[in-house]
């Protein structure tokens, strides 16, 4: 995957579309150019709206073995900006479904913790997921788990892995 550190979301989403077209030309393969530019415009509109906020609401779904618990210190970096956009991460084929439990997190993180450029790349390819890439080792306040609101938000960390970790509880 591309190292997006060379890109600046403010330049990509700025008035100068030359930078945006450069991003599309260099980073997007096998994609209809006009569709990619339309998605880029949609994402930039969303970014322009959210960058004014201090926090953003995010959602994540995982499947883990029933005899384990999620690791709040490494809850994962791939989230969604919309609850309907969550997808399954984890043991989708290697473990029988009857041995798995689904966990859906609703949380919030500071806007500065979002990797907007990597999110743009994902959005161009998977617009229905409304994917949100939380930067490594970023603070996330989990407010609900499986639609049950917590009395106090649970302070978690995105961790330093692309996937989440879990721990045995038996």
Protein backbone atom coordinates (compact mmCIF):
# COMPACT_ATOMS: atom_id res chain seq x y z
CA UNK A 1 0.00 0.00 0.00
CA UNK A 2 1.09 3.52 -0.70
CA UNK A 3 2.76 5.69 1.92
CA UNK A 4 0.39 8.64 2.07
CA UNK A 5 2.65 10.82 4.22
CA UNK A 6 3.60 12.79 1.11
CA UNK A 7 -0.02 13.89 0.62
CA UNK A 8 -1.84 16.68 2.41
CA UNK A 9 -5.62 16.32 2.69
CA UNK A 10 -6.00 20.09 2.73
CA UNK A 11 -4.27 20.30 -0.65
CA UNK A 12 -6.24 17.39 -2.09
CA UNK A 13 -9.55 18.88 -0.93
CA UNK A 14 -8.52 22.48 -1.60
CA UNK A 15 -9.63 24.71 -4.45
CA UNK A 16 -6.74 23.56 -6.62
CA UNK A 17 -8.09 20.39 -8.23
CA UNK A 18 -4.75 19.83 -9.97
CA UNK A 19 -3.46 18.27 -6.75
CA UNK A 20 -6.56 16.10 -6.47
CA UNK A 21 -6.18 14.90 -10.06
CA UNK A 22 -2.52 14.12 -9.36
CA UNK A 23 -3.62 11.97 -6.43
CA UNK A 24 -6.16 10.12 -8.60
CA UNK A 25 -3.66 9.68 -11.45
CA UNK A 26 -0.93 8.26 -9.20
CA UNK A 27 -2.92 6.24 -6.69
CA UNK A 28 -6.09 4.91 -8.27
CA UNK A 29 -5.78 1.90 -10.55
CA UNK A 30 -8.44 0.24 -12.68
CA UNK A 31 -11.00 2.81 -11.66
CA UNK A 32 -13.17 5.01 -13.81
CA UNK A 33 -11.51 8.42 -13.59
CA UNK A 34 -14.77 10.42 -13.47
CA UNK A 35 -16.26 8.16 -10.76
CA UNK A 36 -13.06 8.50 -8.73
CA UNK A 37 -13.22 12.30 -9.01
CA UNK A 38 -16.89 12.28 -7.96
CA UNK A 39 -16.04 10.19 -4.89
CA UNK A 40 -13.13 12.47 -4.14
CA UNK A 41 -15.51 15.46 -4.21
CA UNK A 42 -17.97 13.66 -1.88
CA UNK A 43 -15.22 12.77 0.57
CA UNK A 44 -13.78 16.28 0.50
CA UNK A 45 -17.21 17.75 1.25
CA UNK A 46 -17.47 15.38 4.21
CA UNK A 47 -13.94 16.30 5.35
CA UNK A 48 -14.72 20.03 5.08
CA UNK A 49 -17.77 19.49 7.30
CA UNK A 50 -16.00 17.33 9.91
CA UNK A 51 -12.72 19.23 10.21
CA UNK A 52 -14.54 22.02 12.08
CA UNK A 53 -15.56 19.59 14.84
CA UNK A 54 -13.32 18.54 17.69
CA UNK A 55 -14.53 14.91 17.73
CA UNK A 56 -16.11 12.53 15.25
CA UNK A 57 -18.40 9.58 15.92
CA UNK A 58 -17.13 6.24 14.58
CA UNK A 59 -18.31 2.61 14.45
CA UNK A 60 -16.59 -0.77 14.27
CA UNK A 61 -17.71 -4.40 14.05
CA UNK A 62 -15.53 -7.37 14.92
CA UNK A 63 -16.07 -11.10 15.30
CA UNK A 64 -14.01 -12.93 17.89
CA UNK A 65 -14.13 -16.38 19.49
CA UNK A 66 -16.76 -16.60 22.25
CA UNK A 67 -14.17 -17.46 24.89
CA UNK A 68 -12.22 -14.24 24.30
CA UNK A 69 -12.64 -10.53 24.96
CA UNK A 70 -11.53 -7.61 22.83
CA UNK A 71 -8.35 -5.80 23.77
CA UNK A 72 -9.15 -2.17 24.51
CA UNK A 73 -5.47 -1.29 24.16
CA UNK A 74 -5.51 -2.45 20.56
CA UNK A 75 -9.07 -2.06 19.34
CA UNK A 76 -8.12 -1.49 15.69
CA UNK A 77 -7.61 1.28 13.15
CA UNK A 78 -10.32 0.54 10.58
CA UNK A 79 -13.68 2.01 11.57
CA UNK A 80 -16.66 3.53 9.74
CA UNK A 81 -18.16 7.00 9.92
CA UNK A 82 -21.63 5.39 9.72
CA UNK A 83 -23.10 2.46 11.59
CA UNK A 84 -24.47 1.02 8.35
CA UNK A 85 -20.94 1.00 6.95
CA UNK A 86 -19.42 -1.43 9.45
CA UNK A 87 -18.06 -4.68 8.12
CA UNK A 88 -16.73 -7.78 9.77
CA UNK A 89 -13.12 -7.89 10.82
CA UNK A 90 -11.61 -10.97 12.32
CA UNK A 91 -12.37 -14.65 12.22
CA UNK A 92 -14.71 -14.82 9.26
CA UNK A 93 -13.56 -18.08 7.74
CA UNK A 94 -11.07 -19.82 10.02
CA UNK A 95 -13.47 -20.42 12.91
CA UNK A 96 -16.98 -21.86 12.80
CA UNK A 97 -19.61 -19.12 13.12
CA UNK A 98 -21.21 -20.90 16.08
CA UNK A 99 -18.00 -20.27 18.04
CA UNK A 100 -17.94 -16.54 17.30
CA UNK A 101 -19.53 -13.48 18.84
CA UNK A 102 -20.12 -10.19 17.09
CA UNK A 103 -19.21 -6.94 18.77
CA UNK A 104 -20.26 -3.54 17.42
CA UNK A 105 -18.55 -0.53 18.96
CA UNK A 106 -19.79 3.02 18.82
CA UNK A 107 -17.15 5.51 19.81
CA UNK A 108 -15.67 8.87 19.22
CA UNK A 109 -12.19 10.17 18.61
CA UNK A 110 -10.66 13.55 17.99
CA UNK A 111 -10.76 14.68 14.38
CA UNK A 112 -6.97 15.02 14.43
CA UNK A 113 -6.76 11.23 15.03
CA UNK A 114 -8.22 10.45 11.61
CA UNK A 115 -5.91 9.62 8.71
CA UNK A 116 -7.98 11.45 6.12
CA UNK A 117 -5.78 10.66 3.12
CA UNK A 118 -5.77 6.90 3.74
CA UNK A 119 -9.53 7.15 4.33
CA UNK A 120 -9.95 8.92 0.98
CA UNK A 121 -8.10 6.13 -0.78
CA UNK A 122 -10.42 3.56 0.82
CA UNK A 123 -13.54 5.66 0.10
CA UNK A 124 -12.73 5.84 -3.61
CA UNK A 125 -12.66 2.04 -3.79
CA UNK A 126 -15.34 1.21 -1.16
CA UNK A 127 -17.74 4.18 -0.89
CA UNK A 128 -20.52 2.18 0.80
CA UNK A 129 -18.34 1.41 3.80
CA UNK A 130 -17.74 5.07 4.71
CA UNK A 131 -14.46 3.75 6.05
CA UNK A 132 -12.54 5.72 8.63
CA UNK A 133 -8.84 5.09 9.20
CA UNK A 134 -7.88 5.99 12.78
CA UNK A 135 -4.18 6.74 13.15
CA UNK A 136 -2.04 4.24 15.02
CA UNK A 137 -2.04 4.54 18.82
CA UNK A 138 -4.91 7.04 18.88
CA UNK A 139 -7.32 7.49 21.76
CA UNK A 140 -10.90 6.27 21.17
CA UNK A 141 -13.77 6.65 23.66
CA UNK A 142 -16.11 3.67 23.27
CA UNK A 143 -19.61 4.86 24.20
CA UNK A 144 -21.64 1.73 23.47
CA UNK A 145 -21.14 -1.94 22.74
CA UNK A 146 -23.85 -3.79 20.79
CA UNK A 147 -26.21 -0.84 21.24
CA UNK A 148 -25.85 -0.90 25.03
CA UNK A 149 -24.63 2.48 26.20
CA UNK A 150 -21.91 2.43 28.83
CA UNK A 151 -22.39 4.54 31.97
CA UNK A 152 -18.92 5.94 31.38
CA UNK A 153 -17.17 5.80 28.00
CA UNK A 154 -14.40 3.21 27.93
CA UNK A 155 -11.03 4.71 27.04
CA UNK A 156 -9.43 2.58 24.35
CA UNK A 157 -6.52 2.84 21.95
CA UNK A 158 -6.48 2.06 18.25
CA UNK A 159 -3.23 0.19 18.82
CA UNK A 160 -0.36 -0.32 16.47
CA UNK A 161 -1.72 -3.14 14.36
CA UNK A 162 -4.05 -3.04 11.38
CA UNK A 163 -6.30 -5.57 13.07
CA UNK A 164 -7.54 -5.79 16.63
CA UNK A 165 -6.27 -8.09 19.33
CA UNK A 166 -8.29 -10.29 21.66
CA UNK A 167 -7.57 -12.11 24.91
CA UNK A 168 -8.76 -15.46 26.25
CA UNK A 169 -11.16 -15.11 29.18
CA UNK A 170 -11.56 -18.72 30.28
